[in-house]
Amino acid sequence: MAYSKDSKGEYKKYHKSTRMKKERALRNKNRRELTRNGKVRKGDGKHIDHKDGNPKNNSKKNLRVVSARKNRKKQ
């Protein structure tokens, strides 16, 4: 029996969830804050990293700017 997976539909459903919307809003808020402070710019290839690895800990002391490469390597 063939199993059909609707990955496009699952992707849309996942990213529409309330939890994902809140997490995305927090990521955007952090990015905007560091943009205002002059630490990052649009298209600069930098990511906002959480020093302790906890994405819910968004205190200023826990956030830092790293290259996209370094951030991916960390994961």
N, C-alpha and C. Protein backbone atom coordinates (compact mmCIF):
# COMPACT_ATOMS: atom_id res chain seq x y z
N MET A 1 0.85 -1.18 0.00
CA MET A 1 0.00 0.00 0.00
C MET A 1 0.90 1.25 0.00
N ALA A 2 0.62 2.17 -0.86
CA ALA A 2 1.41 3.40 -0.97
C ALA A 2 0.97 4.40 0.08
N TYR A 3 1.96 5.09 0.64
CA TYR A 3 1.69 6.11 1.65
C TYR A 3 1.94 7.48 1.04
N SER A 4 0.94 8.31 1.06
CA SER A 4 1.05 9.64 0.50
C SER A 4 1.25 10.66 1.63
N LYS A 5 2.26 11.47 1.47
CA LYS A 5 2.53 12.48 2.49
C LYS A 5 2.32 13.87 1.90
N ASP A 6 1.51 14.63 2.54
CA ASP A 6 1.22 15.99 2.09
C ASP A 6 2.15 16.95 2.82
N SER A 7 3.42 16.98 2.41
CA SER A 7 4.39 17.78 3.14
C SER A 7 4.13 19.28 3.01
N LYS A 8 3.62 19.71 1.87
CA LYS A 8 3.32 21.13 1.68
C LYS A 8 2.22 21.58 2.64
N GLY A 9 1.19 20.75 2.74
CA GLY A 9 0.09 21.06 3.64
C GLY A 9 0.53 21.02 5.10
N GLU A 10 1.36 20.04 5.45
CA GLU A 10 1.86 19.95 6.82
C GLU A 10 2.72 21.17 7.16
N TYR A 11 3.54 21.60 6.22
CA TYR A 11 4.40 22.77 6.41
C TYR A 11 3.54 24.01 6.68
N LYS A 12 2.53 24.21 5.86
CA LYS A 12 1.64 25.37 6.04
C LYS A 12 0.93 25.31 7.39
N LYS A 13 0.43 24.15 7.74
CA LYS A 13 -0.29 23.98 9.00
C LYS A 13 0.64 24.26 10.19
N TYR A 14 1.85 23.76 10.12
CA TYR A 14 2.83 23.95 11.20
C TYR A 14 3.15 25.43 11.39
N HIS A 15 3.42 26.14 10.30
CA HIS A 15 3.81 27.54 10.38
C HIS A 15 2.64 28.48 10.65
N LYS A 16 1.41 27.98 10.53
CA LYS A 16 0.23 28.78 10.85
C LYS A 16 -0.13 28.67 12.32
N SER A 17 0.47 27.72 13.02
CA SER A 17 0.09 27.49 14.41
C SER A 17 0.40 28.71 15.28
N THR A 18 -0.35 28.89 16.31
CA THR A 18 -0.19 30.03 17.21
C THR A 18 1.21 30.05 17.81
N ARG A 19 1.70 28.88 18.20
CA ARG A 19 3.03 28.80 18.81
C ARG A 19 4.11 29.30 17.85
N MET A 20 4.05 28.88 16.60
CA MET A 20 5.06 29.28 15.63
C MET A 20 4.96 30.77 15.30
N LYS A 21 3.74 31.30 15.29
CA LYS A 21 3.57 32.73 15.05
C LYS A 21 4.22 33.55 16.17
N LYS A 22 4.05 33.10 17.40
CA LYS A 22 4.65 33.80 18.55
C LYS A 22 6.17 33.73 18.50
N GLU A 23 6.70 32.55 18.17
CA GLU A 23 8.15 32.40 18.09
C GLU A 23 8.74 33.25 16.98
N ARG A 24 8.06 33.31 15.83
CA ARG A 24 8.51 34.12 14.71
C ARG A 24 8.48 35.60 15.07
N ALA A 25 7.44 36.02 15.79
CA ALA A 25 7.33 37.41 16.21
C ALA A 25 8.48 37.79 17.15
N LEU A 26 8.85 36.88 18.05
CA LEU A 26 9.98 37.14 18.95
C LEU A 26 11.30 37.25 18.19
N ARG A 27 11.50 36.37 17.20
CA ARG A 27 12.73 36.45 16.39
C ARG A 27 12.79 37.77 15.65
N ASN A 28 11.66 38.19 15.08
CA ASN A 28 11.62 39.47 14.35
C ASN A 28 11.85 40.64 15.29
N LYS A 29 11.29 40.58 16.49
CA LYS A 29 11.47 41.65 17.47
C LYS A 29 12.94 41.79 17.86
N ASN A 30 13.60 40.67 18.10
CA ASN A 30 15.02 40.70 18.45
C ASN A 30 15.85 41.28 17.32
N ARG A 31 15.54 40.89 16.10
CA ARG A 31 16.28 41.39 14.95
C ARG A 31 16.07 42.90 14.78
N ARG A 32 14.83 43.36 14.93
CA ARG A 32 14.56 44.80 14.82
C ARG A 32 15.30 45.60 15.88
N GLU A 33 15.32 45.07 17.11
CA GLU A 33 16.01 45.76 18.21
C GLU A 33 17.50 45.92 17.90
N LEU A 34 18.13 44.86 17.42
CA LEU A 34 19.57 44.94 17.12
C LEU A 34 19.83 45.77 15.86
N THR A 35 18.85 45.85 14.97
CA THR A 35 18.98 46.72 13.80
C THR A 35 18.96 48.18 14.23
N ARG A 36 18.05 48.50 15.14
CA ARG A 36 17.97 49.88 15.66
C ARG A 36 19.26 50.28 16.38
N ASN A 37 19.88 49.33 17.05
CA ASN A 37 21.12 49.61 17.78
C ASN A 37 22.35 49.62 16.88
N GLY A 38 22.17 49.31 15.59
CA GLY A 38 23.27 49.35 14.65
C GLY A 38 24.15 48.11 14.66
N LYS A 39 23.72 47.04 15.29
CA LYS A 39 24.53 45.82 15.38
C LYS A 39 24.40 44.95 14.13
N VAL A 40 23.25 44.98 13.48
CA VAL A 40 23.02 44.21 12.25
C VAL A 40 22.32 45.09 11.23
N ARG A 41 22.42 44.66 9.96
CA ARG A 41 21.71 45.35 8.88
C ARG A 41 21.04 44.31 8.01
N LYS A 42 20.08 44.74 7.27
CA LYS A 42 19.37 43.85 6.35
C LYS A 42 20.35 43.32 5.31
N GLY A 43 20.36 42.01 5.13
CA GLY A 43 21.20 41.40 4.11
C GLY A 43 22.66 41.25 4.48
N ASP A 44 23.01 41.42 5.76
CA ASP A 44 24.42 41.35 6.15
C ASP A 44 24.92 39.93 6.40
N GLY A 45 24.02 38.93 6.35
CA GLY A 45 24.44 37.55 6.54
C GLY A 45 24.67 37.18 8.00
N LYS A 46 24.21 37.99 8.91
CA LYS A 46 24.41 37.73 10.33
C LYS A 46 23.14 37.17 10.94
N HIS A 47 23.32 36.37 11.98
CA HIS A 47 22.20 35.80 12.72
C HIS A 47 22.26 36.28 14.16
N ILE A 48 21.11 36.27 14.81
CA ILE A 48 21.03 36.58 16.23
C ILE A 48 21.09 35.24 16.96
N ASP A 49 22.08 35.09 17.81
CA ASP A 49 22.32 33.82 18.50
C ASP A 49 21.98 33.96 19.97
N HIS A 50 21.45 32.89 20.55
CA HIS A 50 21.20 32.84 21.99
C HIS A 50 22.40 32.15 22.64
N LYS A 51 23.11 32.85 23.49
CA LYS A 51 24.32 32.32 24.10
C LYS A 51 24.07 31.01 24.85
N ASP A 52 22.96 30.94 25.57
CA ASP A 52 22.69 29.74 26.35
C ASP A 52 21.95 28.65 25.56
N GLY A 53 21.60 28.92 24.31
CA GLY A 53 20.94 27.94 23.48
C GLY A 53 19.44 27.85 23.69
N ASN A 54 18.89 28.64 24.60
CA ASN A 54 17.46 28.63 24.88
C ASN A 54 16.78 29.73 24.07
N PRO A 55 16.02 29.38 23.04
CA PRO A 55 15.40 30.41 22.20
C PRO A 55 14.33 31.24 22.90
N LYS A 56 13.89 30.81 24.06
CA LYS A 56 12.87 31.58 24.79
C LYS A 56 13.51 32.60 25.73
N ASN A 57 14.81 32.49 25.96
CA ASN A 57 15.52 33.45 26.81
C ASN A 57 16.00 34.59 25.92
N ASN A 58 15.22 35.66 25.84
CA ASN A 58 15.51 36.77 24.95
C ASN A 58 16.03 38.00 25.67
N SER A 59 16.69 37.80 26.80
CA SER A 59 17.27 38.94 27.50
C SER A 59 18.43 39.49 26.68
N LYS A 60 18.69 40.77 26.79
CA LYS A 60 19.75 41.40 26.00
C LYS A 60 21.11 40.77 26.28
N LYS A 61 21.33 40.32 27.50
CA LYS A 61 22.61 39.70 27.86
C LYS A 61 22.79 38.34 27.17
N ASN A 62 21.70 37.71 26.79
CA ASN A 62 21.77 36.39 26.18
C ASN A 62 21.87 36.42 24.66
N LEU A 63 21.67 37.57 24.04
CA LEU A 63 21.69 37.67 22.58
C LEU A 63 23.03 38.19 22.08
N ARG A 64 23.48 37.64 20.95
CA ARG A 64 24.71 38.12 20.33
C ARG A 64 24.57 37.95 18.82
N VAL A 65 25.39 38.69 18.09
CA VAL A 65 25.39 38.64 16.64
C VAL A 65 26.53 37.72 16.20
N VAL A 66 26.20 36.73 15.35
CA VAL A 66 27.22 35.82 14.82
C VAL A 66 26.99 35.65 13.33
N SER A 67 28.00 35.14 12.65
CA SER A 67 27.83 34.86 11.22
C SER A 67 26.85 33.69 11.07
N ALA A 68 26.20 33.64 9.93
CA ALA A 68 25.25 32.56 9.66
C ALA A 68 25.98 31.22 9.71
N ARG A 69 27.19 31.18 9.22
CA ARG A 69 27.97 29.95 9.20
C ARG A 69 28.24 29.44 10.61
N LYS A 70 28.65 30.34 11.48
CA LYS A 70 28.95 29.95 12.87
C LYS A 70 27.68 29.48 13.58
N ASN A 71 26.56 30.12 13.34
CA ASN A 71 25.32 29.75 13.97
C ASN A 71 24.84 28.37 13.50
N ARG A 72 24.98 28.09 12.24
CA ARG A 72 24.60 26.76 11.72
C ARG A 72 25.51 25.68 12.26
N LYS A 73 26.78 25.99 12.39
CA LYS A 73 27.77 25.04 12.88
C LYS A 73 27.46 24.64 14.32
N LYS A 74 26.97 25.60 15.09
CA LYS A 74 26.65 25.39 16.50
C LYS A 74 25.56 24.33 16.68
N GLN A 75 24.62 24.29 15.74
CA GLN A 75 23.49 23.38 15.85
C GLN A 75 23.94 22.04 15.50
